[in-house]
Amino acid sequence: MEITPERLQKLANMKMPFGKYKDQYLIDIPEYYYIWFQQKGFPEGKLGQLLQSMTEIKINGLEPLIRRIQKDFPRRP
């Protein structure tokens, strides 16, 4: 799965649509939740792909990159 600037911008501004962390930005969800998804299986479709990407970002300590994108490219209403 290729990480493009568009995907990074979407990751920076995406909120979790369901569950314990509903309406929180993906970057604000703790790493253990992503590890749980990794073990149990990610949802199908684009959300699952974004969660997998965020797992890699969290594991590799790249959260500052996403926070910078949030700041420079805020979510549009």
Protein backbone atom coordinates (compact mmCIF):
# COMPACT_ATOMS: atom_id res chain seq x y z
CA MET A 1 0.00 0.00 0.00
CA GLU A 2 1.50 3.29 -1.13
CA ILE A 3 1.58 6.25 1.25
CA THR A 4 0.80 9.33 -0.83
CA PRO A 5 0.47 12.96 0.28
CA GLU A 6 -3.29 12.63 -0.16
CA ARG A 7 -3.39 9.53 2.07
CA LEU A 8 -1.31 11.29 4.74
CA GLN A 9 -3.67 14.26 4.68
CA LYS A 10 -6.67 11.94 4.98
CA LEU A 11 -4.99 10.10 7.88
CA ALA A 12 -4.29 13.39 9.64
CA ASN A 13 -7.91 14.49 9.46
CA MET A 14 -9.84 11.20 9.72
CA LYS A 15 -11.91 10.48 12.79
CA MET A 16 -12.83 7.02 14.02
CA PRO A 17 -16.41 6.32 12.89
CA PHE A 18 -17.31 3.73 15.55
CA GLY A 19 -16.40 2.02 18.80
CA LYS A 20 -14.65 3.10 21.96
CA TYR A 21 -12.80 5.93 20.19
CA LYS A 22 -15.66 7.17 18.00
CA ASP A 23 -15.18 10.77 16.78
CA GLN A 24 -11.52 10.92 17.83
CA TYR A 25 -8.80 11.62 15.28
CA LEU A 26 -7.00 8.42 14.30
CA ILE A 27 -3.70 9.91 15.46
CA ASP A 28 -5.14 10.40 18.96
CA ILE A 29 -6.10 6.75 19.39
CA PRO A 30 -3.57 4.79 21.49
CA GLU A 31 -1.18 2.41 19.77
CA TYR A 32 -2.50 -0.61 21.71
CA TYR A 33 -5.87 -0.24 19.95
CA TYR A 34 -4.13 -0.54 16.57
CA ILE A 35 -2.19 -3.56 17.76
CA TRP A 36 -5.49 -5.13 18.83
CA PHE A 37 -6.89 -4.54 15.33
CA GLN A 38 -3.72 -5.99 13.85
CA GLN A 39 -4.25 -9.17 15.86
CA LYS A 40 -8.03 -9.44 15.36
CA GLY A 41 -8.24 -8.13 11.81
CA PHE A 42 -8.78 -4.69 10.37
CA PRO A 43 -12.16 -3.69 8.94
CA GLU A 44 -12.67 -4.09 5.21
CA GLY A 45 -12.29 -1.21 2.79
CA LYS A 46 -10.71 2.21 3.04
CA LEU A 47 -11.09 2.47 6.80
CA GLY A 48 -9.17 -0.75 7.29
CA GLN A 49 -6.43 0.49 4.96
CA LEU A 50 -6.18 3.77 6.86
CA LEU A 51 -6.03 1.95 10.20
CA GLN A 52 -3.25 -0.28 8.88
CA SER A 53 -1.32 2.78 7.72
CA MET A 54 -1.79 4.47 11.09
CA THR A 55 -0.54 1.30 12.80
CA GLU A 56 2.72 1.57 10.85
CA ILE A 57 2.98 5.29 11.60
CA LYS A 58 2.50 4.68 15.33
CA ILE A 59 4.86 1.70 15.50
CA ASN A 60 7.58 3.69 13.73
CA GLY A 61 7.16 6.82 15.85
CA LEU A 62 6.01 9.06 13.00
CA GLU A 63 3.17 10.79 14.87
CA PRO A 64 4.89 14.21 14.64
CA LEU A 65 4.57 13.99 10.84
CA ILE A 66 0.80 13.52 11.10
CA ARG A 67 0.46 16.28 13.69
CA ARG A 68 2.35 18.65 11.38
CA ILE A 69 0.01 17.77 8.51
CA GLN A 70 -3.00 18.43 10.80
CA LYS A 71 -1.59 21.85 11.56
CA ASP A 72 -0.63 22.76 7.99
CA PHE A 73 -3.67 21.22 6.27
CA PRO A 74 -6.65 21.44 8.65
CA ARG A 75 -9.82 19.50 8.00
CA ARG A 76 -12.30 21.30 5.80
CA PRO A 77 -15.95 21.34 6.90
